[in-house]
Amino acid sequence: MSEAQERMKHYYDKNRLVQDLEVGDMVLLDGLSKGLKLHPVFHTSLLKPYRKDPKRRQKVNKVVLADGSEGQLVEAVFEHRKYKGNPQYKILRLGESKKDTTWEPVDTLKQIPGLIDLYWKSKKERKPYFE
């Protein structure tokens, strides 16, 4: 029996990656679905060491909302319009340049009422009652 265990260990260890990780090391979780509500303890086979690349631009605009869906952080609201009868705001997402602003319908911006109010205060106009 012990010979069989040794033989199995030998063949398993050939392909096994030994990771020297310490508590507090920066790591990437590999192979997990987004929005999972899991206990924050993972097997080392799911971890990869984090290597910082100064050329890589990090985007921080994606967040997981309470319902598990993915959302984006909004930095500012610039303009407003009515498109096909529906109100829209031109928004800038966090970490993106001003040329990447997009028009978004009011229905998708329910998480940022404070930014919309700030936009209307800066315009010194009354907020229309189309929302």
N, C-alpha and C. Protein backbone atom coordinates (compact mmCIF):
# COMPACT_ATOMS: atom_id res chain seq x y z
N MET A 1 0.83 -1.20 0.00
CA MET A 1 0.00 0.00 0.00
C MET A 1 0.87 1.26 0.00
N SER A 2 1.92 1.27 0.82
CA SER A 2 2.77 2.46 0.88
C SER A 2 3.53 2.65 -0.44
N GLU A 3 3.86 1.56 -1.14
CA GLU A 3 4.52 1.70 -2.44
C GLU A 3 3.58 2.38 -3.44
N ALA A 4 2.33 2.01 -3.42
CA ALA A 4 1.34 2.62 -4.31
C ALA A 4 1.18 4.10 -3.99
N GLN A 5 1.17 4.45 -2.71
CA GLN A 5 1.06 5.86 -2.32
C GLN A 5 2.28 6.64 -2.79
N GLU A 6 3.45 6.08 -2.63
CA GLU A 6 4.68 6.75 -3.07
C GLU A 6 4.67 6.95 -4.58
N ARG A 7 4.23 5.94 -5.31
CA ARG A 7 4.17 6.04 -6.77
C ARG A 7 3.17 7.12 -7.19
N MET A 8 1.99 7.17 -6.53
CA MET A 8 1.00 8.20 -6.83
C MET A 8 1.54 9.59 -6.51
N LYS A 9 2.23 9.72 -5.39
CA LYS A 9 2.82 11.00 -5.00
C LYS A 9 3.85 11.44 -6.03
N HIS A 10 4.67 10.51 -6.48
CA HIS A 10 5.71 10.81 -7.45
C HIS A 10 5.10 11.37 -8.74
N TYR A 11 4.06 10.73 -9.27
CA TYR A 11 3.45 11.18 -10.51
C TYR A 11 2.64 12.47 -10.32
N TYR A 12 2.04 12.65 -9.17
CA TYR A 12 1.30 13.88 -8.89
C TYR A 12 2.25 15.06 -8.78
N ASP A 13 3.36 14.87 -8.07
CA ASP A 13 4.30 15.96 -7.84
C ASP A 13 5.01 16.42 -9.10
N LYS A 14 5.05 15.60 -10.15
CA LYS A 14 5.69 16.01 -11.41
C LYS A 14 5.04 17.26 -11.99
N ASN A 15 3.72 17.33 -11.93
CA ASN A 15 2.99 18.44 -12.54
C ASN A 15 2.54 19.49 -11.53
N ARG A 16 2.89 19.32 -10.30
CA ARG A 16 2.43 20.23 -9.25
C ARG A 16 3.32 21.46 -9.19
N LEU A 17 2.71 22.61 -9.12
CA LEU A 17 3.43 23.87 -8.99
C LEU A 17 3.49 24.24 -7.52
N VAL A 18 4.70 24.33 -6.98
CA VAL A 18 4.87 24.68 -5.58
C VAL A 18 4.92 26.20 -5.49
N GLN A 19 4.04 26.78 -4.68
CA GLN A 19 3.99 28.23 -4.55
C GLN A 19 4.44 28.62 -3.16
N ASP A 20 5.36 29.57 -3.12
CA ASP A 20 5.82 30.10 -1.84
C ASP A 20 5.08 31.40 -1.57
N LEU A 21 3.96 31.30 -0.90
CA LEU A 21 3.14 32.47 -0.59
C LEU A 21 3.14 32.71 0.91
N GLU A 22 3.19 33.98 1.27
CA GLU A 22 3.14 34.39 2.67
C GLU A 22 1.83 35.13 2.90
N VAL A 23 1.43 35.23 4.15
CA VAL A 23 0.25 36.01 4.50
C VAL A 23 0.54 37.47 4.16
N GLY A 24 -0.37 38.10 3.41
CA GLY A 24 -0.20 39.50 3.02
C GLY A 24 0.35 39.67 1.62
N ASP A 25 0.79 38.60 0.95
CA ASP A 25 1.28 38.69 -0.42
C ASP A 25 0.12 39.05 -1.35
N MET A 26 0.44 39.81 -2.40
CA MET A 26 -0.56 40.14 -3.41
C MET A 26 -0.69 38.96 -4.36
N VAL A 27 -1.92 38.49 -4.57
CA VAL A 27 -2.16 37.35 -5.45
C VAL A 27 -3.38 37.63 -6.32
N LEU A 28 -3.51 36.89 -7.40
CA LEU A 28 -4.68 36.94 -8.25
C LEU A 28 -5.46 35.65 -8.06
N LEU A 29 -6.77 35.76 -7.95
CA LEU A 29 -7.62 34.57 -7.89
C LEU A 29 -7.92 34.15 -9.32
N ASP A 30 -7.67 32.91 -9.63
CA ASP A 30 -7.81 32.42 -10.99
C ASP A 30 -8.99 31.46 -11.10
N GLY A 31 -9.84 31.68 -12.09
CA GLY A 31 -10.89 30.72 -12.39
C GLY A 31 -12.15 30.83 -11.56
N LEU A 32 -12.43 32.00 -10.97
CA LEU A 32 -13.66 32.17 -10.19
C LEU A 32 -14.66 33.00 -10.98
N SER A 33 -15.92 32.67 -10.89
CA SER A 33 -16.96 33.45 -11.54
C SER A 33 -17.18 34.74 -10.77
N LYS A 34 -17.49 35.81 -11.49
CA LYS A 34 -17.75 37.09 -10.85
C LYS A 34 -19.09 37.05 -10.14
N GLY A 35 -19.18 37.74 -9.03
CA GLY A 35 -20.44 37.85 -8.31
C GLY A 35 -20.70 36.70 -7.35
N LEU A 36 -19.76 35.78 -7.23
CA LEU A 36 -19.96 34.69 -6.28
C LEU A 36 -19.79 35.19 -4.85
N LYS A 37 -20.63 34.74 -3.97
CA LYS A 37 -20.50 35.11 -2.57
C LYS A 37 -19.87 33.93 -1.86
N LEU A 38 -18.53 33.95 -1.79
CA LEU A 38 -17.79 32.84 -1.22
C LEU A 38 -17.06 33.26 0.04
N HIS A 39 -16.76 32.30 0.87
CA HIS A 39 -15.91 32.54 2.03
C HIS A 39 -14.51 32.90 1.52
N PRO A 40 -13.86 33.91 2.09
CA PRO A 40 -12.58 34.38 1.53
C PRO A 40 -11.38 33.50 1.88
N VAL A 41 -11.52 32.20 1.82
CA VAL A 41 -10.41 31.27 2.01
C VAL A 41 -10.37 30.37 0.78
N PHE A 42 -9.22 30.32 0.10
CA PHE A 42 -9.12 29.60 -1.16
C PHE A 42 -7.92 28.67 -1.13
N HIS A 43 -8.01 27.58 -1.86
CA HIS A 43 -6.90 26.65 -2.00
C HIS A 43 -5.80 27.33 -2.83
N THR A 44 -4.55 27.01 -2.54
CA THR A 44 -3.44 27.67 -3.23
C THR A 44 -3.41 27.37 -4.72
N SER A 45 -4.09 26.34 -5.17
CA SER A 45 -4.12 26.06 -6.61
C SER A 45 -4.90 27.13 -7.37
N LEU A 46 -5.76 27.89 -6.67
CA LEU A 46 -6.52 28.96 -7.31
C LEU A 46 -5.80 30.30 -7.28
N LEU A 47 -4.64 30.36 -6.64
CA LEU A 47 -3.91 31.61 -6.49
C LEU A 47 -2.73 31.67 -7.43
N LYS A 48 -2.48 32.86 -7.97
CA LYS A 48 -1.29 33.11 -8.78
C LYS A 48 -0.61 34.35 -8.20
N PRO A 49 0.73 34.37 -8.14
CA PRO A 49 1.41 35.57 -7.64
C PRO A 49 1.11 36.77 -8.53
N TYR A 50 0.89 37.92 -7.92
CA TYR A 50 0.62 39.15 -8.67
C TYR A 50 1.93 39.78 -9.09
N ARG A 51 2.05 40.08 -10.36
CA ARG A 51 3.25 40.75 -10.87
C ARG A 51 2.81 42.10 -11.44
N LYS A 52 3.33 43.15 -10.85
CA LYS A 52 2.95 44.50 -11.28
C LYS A 52 3.66 44.84 -12.57
N ASP A 53 2.91 45.33 -13.54
CA ASP A 53 3.46 45.75 -14.82
C ASP A 53 3.20 47.24 -14.95
N PRO A 54 4.26 48.08 -14.93
CA PRO A 54 4.03 49.53 -14.99
C PRO A 54 3.41 49.98 -16.30
N LYS A 55 3.51 49.19 -17.36
CA LYS A 55 2.93 49.56 -18.65
C LYS A 55 1.43 49.30 -18.71
N ARG A 56 0.96 48.41 -17.84
CA ARG A 56 -0.45 48.05 -17.86
C ARG A 56 -1.27 49.09 -17.10
N ARG A 57 -2.31 49.58 -17.74
CA ARG A 57 -3.21 50.55 -17.11
C ARG A 57 -4.32 49.78 -16.39
N GLN A 58 -4.47 50.06 -15.11
CA GLN A 58 -5.50 49.37 -14.34
C GLN A 58 -6.81 50.11 -14.43
N LYS A 59 -7.87 49.37 -14.71
CA LYS A 59 -9.21 49.95 -14.71
C LYS A 59 -9.87 49.60 -13.39
N VAL A 60 -10.43 50.60 -12.75
CA VAL A 60 -11.06 50.37 -11.45
C VAL A 60 -12.56 50.68 -11.50
N ASN A 61 -13.11 50.72 -12.71
CA ASN A 61 -14.49 51.16 -12.82
C ASN A 61 -15.53 50.06 -12.69
N LYS A 62 -15.14 48.80 -12.51
CA LYS A 62 -16.10 47.72 -12.37
C LYS A 62 -16.29 47.37 -10.89
N VAL A 63 -17.54 47.26 -10.49
CA VAL A 63 -17.86 46.86 -9.12
C VAL A 63 -18.96 45.80 -9.16
N VAL A 64 -19.00 44.98 -8.14
CA VAL A 64 -20.07 43.99 -8.03
C VAL A 64 -21.12 44.56 -7.09
N LEU A 65 -22.34 44.68 -7.59
CA LEU A 65 -23.43 45.25 -6.80
C LEU A 65 -24.00 44.21 -5.86
N ALA A 66 -24.86 44.64 -4.96
CA ALA A 66 -25.42 43.76 -3.93
C ALA A 66 -26.20 42.59 -4.52
N ASP A 67 -26.81 42.80 -5.68
CA ASP A 67 -27.57 41.71 -6.29
C ASP A 67 -26.70 40.75 -7.11
N GLY A 68 -25.38 40.98 -7.12
CA GLY A 68 -24.46 40.10 -7.84
C GLY A 68 -24.16 40.55 -9.25
N SER A 69 -24.88 41.55 -9.75
CA SER A 69 -24.60 42.03 -11.10
C SER A 69 -23.39 42.96 -11.08
N GLU A 70 -22.86 43.20 -12.27
CA GLU A 70 -21.67 44.04 -12.38
C GLU A 70 -22.09 45.46 -12.73
N GLY A 71 -21.48 46.43 -12.08
CA GLY A 71 -21.77 47.83 -12.34
C GLY A 71 -20.49 48.60 -12.59
N GLN A 72 -20.61 49.90 -12.83
CA GLN A 72 -19.45 50.73 -13.08
C GLN A 72 -19.52 51.98 -12.22
N LEU A 73 -18.35 52.45 -11.79
CA LEU A 73 -18.28 53.67 -11.00
C LEU A 73 -18.33 54.86 -11.94
N VAL A 74 -19.13 55.85 -11.58
CA VAL A 74 -19.28 57.05 -12.40
C VAL A 74 -18.57 58.20 -11.70
N GLU A 75 -17.76 58.93 -12.46
CA GLU A 75 -17.00 60.04 -11.91
C GLU A 75 -17.76 61.36 -12.01
N ALA A 76 -18.42 61.60 -13.16
CA ALA A 76 -19.09 62.88 -13.35
C ALA A 76 -20.21 62.75 -14.38
N VAL A 77 -21.15 63.72 -14.29
CA VAL A 77 -22.24 63.85 -15.27
C VAL A 77 -22.01 65.18 -15.98
N PHE A 78 -22.03 65.17 -17.34
CA PHE A 78 -21.69 66.37 -18.10
C PHE A 78 -22.86 67.06 -18.77
N GLU A 79 -23.74 66.30 -19.41
CA GLU A 79 -24.83 66.89 -20.18
C GLU A 79 -26.10 66.08 -19.98
N HIS A 80 -27.20 66.64 -20.47
CA HIS A 80 -28.46 65.91 -20.45
C HIS A 80 -29.16 66.14 -21.78
N ARG A 81 -30.04 65.22 -22.13
CA ARG A 81 -30.83 65.35 -23.36
C ARG A 81 -32.02 64.41 -23.27
N LYS A 82 -32.95 64.63 -24.20
CA LYS A 82 -34.06 63.69 -24.36
C LYS A 82 -33.86 63.03 -25.70
N TYR A 83 -33.76 61.71 -25.69
CA TYR A 83 -33.54 60.95 -26.92
C TYR A 83 -34.71 60.00 -27.11
N LYS A 84 -35.46 60.21 -28.18
CA LYS A 84 -36.66 59.43 -28.46
C LYS A 84 -37.63 59.45 -27.28
N GLY A 85 -37.73 60.61 -26.65
CA GLY A 85 -38.65 60.79 -25.54
C GLY A 85 -38.14 60.33 -24.19
N ASN A 86 -36.95 59.76 -24.15
CA ASN A 86 -36.39 59.26 -22.90
C ASN A 86 -35.21 60.12 -22.45
N PRO A 87 -35.18 60.50 -21.17
CA PRO A 87 -34.07 61.32 -20.69
C PRO A 87 -32.77 60.51 -20.61
N GLN A 88 -31.67 61.19 -20.96
CA GLN A 88 -30.35 60.58 -20.89
C GLN A 88 -29.35 61.58 -20.32
N TYR A 89 -28.29 61.05 -19.71
CA TYR A 89 -27.20 61.87 -19.21
C TYR A 89 -25.89 61.39 -19.82
N LYS A 90 -25.02 62.34 -20.12
CA LYS A 90 -23.69 62.00 -20.62
C LYS A 90 -22.78 61.85 -19.41
N ILE A 91 -22.21 60.64 -19.22
CA ILE A 91 -21.44 60.37 -18.01
C ILE A 91 -20.00 59.99 -18.34
N LEU A 92 -19.15 60.21 -17.37
CA LEU A 92 -17.74 59.81 -17.44
C LEU A 92 -17.52 58.76 -16.37
N ARG A 93 -17.06 57.59 -16.78
CA ARG A 93 -16.77 56.52 -15.82
C ARG A 93 -15.39 56.73 -15.22
N LEU A 94 -15.23 56.28 -14.00
CA LEU A 94 -13.97 56.42 -13.27
C LEU A 94 -12.85 55.70 -14.01
N GLY A 95 -11.72 56.40 -14.19
CA GLY A 95 -10.55 55.80 -14.83
C GLY A 95 -10.54 55.92 -16.34
N GLU A 96 -11.55 56.55 -16.94
CA GLU A 96 -11.59 56.69 -18.39
C GLU A 96 -11.35 58.14 -18.77
N SER A 97 -10.98 58.38 -20.02
CA SER A 97 -10.72 59.75 -20.48
C SER A 97 -12.03 60.41 -20.91
N LYS A 98 -11.99 61.74 -21.06
CA LYS A 98 -13.21 62.47 -21.40
C LYS A 98 -13.75 62.12 -22.77
N LYS A 99 -12.90 61.60 -23.65
CA LYS A 99 -13.40 61.21 -24.98
C LYS A 99 -14.23 59.92 -24.92
N ASP A 100 -14.18 59.23 -23.80
CA ASP A 100 -14.92 57.98 -23.65
C ASP A 100 -16.26 58.16 -22.93
N THR A 101 -16.77 59.39 -22.86
CA THR A 101 -18.07 59.61 -22.22
C THR A 101 -19.17 58.95 -23.05
N THR A 102 -20.23 58.53 -22.38
CA THR A 102 -21.34 57.87 -23.08
C THR A 102 -22.67 58.42 -22.58
N TRP A 103 -23.67 58.34 -23.45
CA TRP A 103 -25.03 58.71 -23.08
C TRP A 103 -25.70 57.50 -22.45
N GLU A 104 -26.24 57.68 -21.26
CA GLU A 104 -26.89 56.58 -20.55
C GLU A 104 -28.31 56.99 -20.17
N PRO A 105 -29.28 56.08 -20.32
CA PRO A 105 -30.65 56.39 -19.90
C PRO A 105 -30.75 56.52 -18.38
N VAL A 106 -31.69 57.31 -17.94
CA VAL A 106 -31.88 57.57 -16.51
C VAL A 106 -32.11 56.27 -15.74
N ASP A 107 -32.79 55.32 -16.34
CA ASP A 107 -33.09 54.06 -15.65
C ASP A 107 -31.83 53.34 -15.18
N THR A 108 -30.73 53.48 -15.90
CA THR A 108 -29.49 52.78 -15.52
C THR A 108 -28.66 53.58 -14.52
N LEU A 109 -29.10 54.78 -14.18
CA LEU A 109 -28.31 55.64 -13.29
C LEU A 109 -28.96 55.84 -11.93
N LYS A 110 -29.76 54.89 -11.49
CA LYS A 110 -30.45 55.03 -10.20
C LYS A 110 -29.50 54.97 -9.02
N GLN A 111 -28.29 54.45 -9.23
CA GLN A 111 -27.31 54.34 -8.14
C GLN A 111 -26.58 55.65 -7.87
N ILE A 112 -26.71 56.65 -8.76
CA ILE A 112 -25.93 57.89 -8.60
C ILE A 112 -26.80 59.15 -8.54
N PRO A 113 -27.83 59.18 -7.72
CA PRO A 113 -28.67 60.38 -7.69
C PRO A 113 -27.90 61.61 -7.20
N GLY A 114 -26.88 61.41 -6.37
CA GLY A 114 -26.10 62.53 -5.87
C GLY A 114 -25.33 63.24 -6.97
N LEU A 115 -24.77 62.48 -7.90
CA LEU A 115 -24.03 63.09 -9.01
C LEU A 115 -24.97 63.83 -9.96
N ILE A 116 -26.16 63.30 -10.14
CA ILE A 116 -27.13 63.98 -11.01
C ILE A 116 -27.58 65.28 -10.35
N ASP A 117 -27.83 65.26 -9.04
CA ASP A 117 -28.18 66.50 -8.33
C ASP A 117 -27.05 67.52 -8.40
N LEU A 118 -25.82 67.06 -8.26
CA LEU A 118 -24.65 67.95 -8.35
C LEU A 118 -24.56 68.57 -9.74
N TYR A 119 -24.87 67.80 -10.77
CA TYR A 119 -24.88 68.31 -12.14
C TYR A 119 -25.89 69.44 -12.28
N TRP A 120 -27.11 69.24 -11.75
CA TRP A 120 -28.14 70.26 -11.88
C TRP A 120 -27.81 71.50 -11.06
N LYS A 121 -27.15 71.35 -9.92
CA LYS A 121 -26.74 72.52 -9.14
C LYS A 121 -25.70 73.33 -9.89
N SER A 122 -24.79 72.65 -10.60
CA SER A 122 -23.77 73.37 -11.36
C SER A 122 -24.37 74.07 -12.58
N LYS A 123 -25.48 73.55 -13.12
CA LYS A 123 -26.14 74.16 -14.28
C LYS A 123 -26.96 75.38 -13.88
N LYS A 124 -27.30 75.49 -12.62
CA LYS A 124 -28.13 76.58 -12.10
C LYS A 124 -29.47 76.64 -12.84
N GLU A 125 -29.96 75.48 -13.20
CA GLU A 125 -31.28 75.35 -13.82
C GLU A 125 -32.13 74.46 -12.93
N ARG A 126 -33.42 74.54 -13.14
CA ARG A 126 -34.30 73.62 -12.42
C ARG A 126 -34.21 72.25 -13.06
N LYS A 127 -34.17 71.26 -12.23
CA LYS A 127 -34.14 69.88 -12.71
C LYS A 127 -35.50 69.57 -13.33
N PRO A 128 -35.54 69.14 -14.60
CA PRO A 128 -36.83 68.85 -15.22
C PRO A 128 -37.50 67.64 -14.59
N TYR A 129 -38.79 67.63 -14.68
CA TYR A 129 -39.53 66.51 -14.09
C TYR A 129 -39.76 65.45 -15.16
N PHE A 130 -38.68 64.94 -15.70
CA PHE A 130 -38.85 63.84 -16.65
C PHE A 130 -38.27 62.55 -16.13
N GLU A 131 -37.85 62.54 -14.90
CA GLU A 131 -37.29 61.33 -14.33
C GLU A 131 -38.35 60.69 -13.53
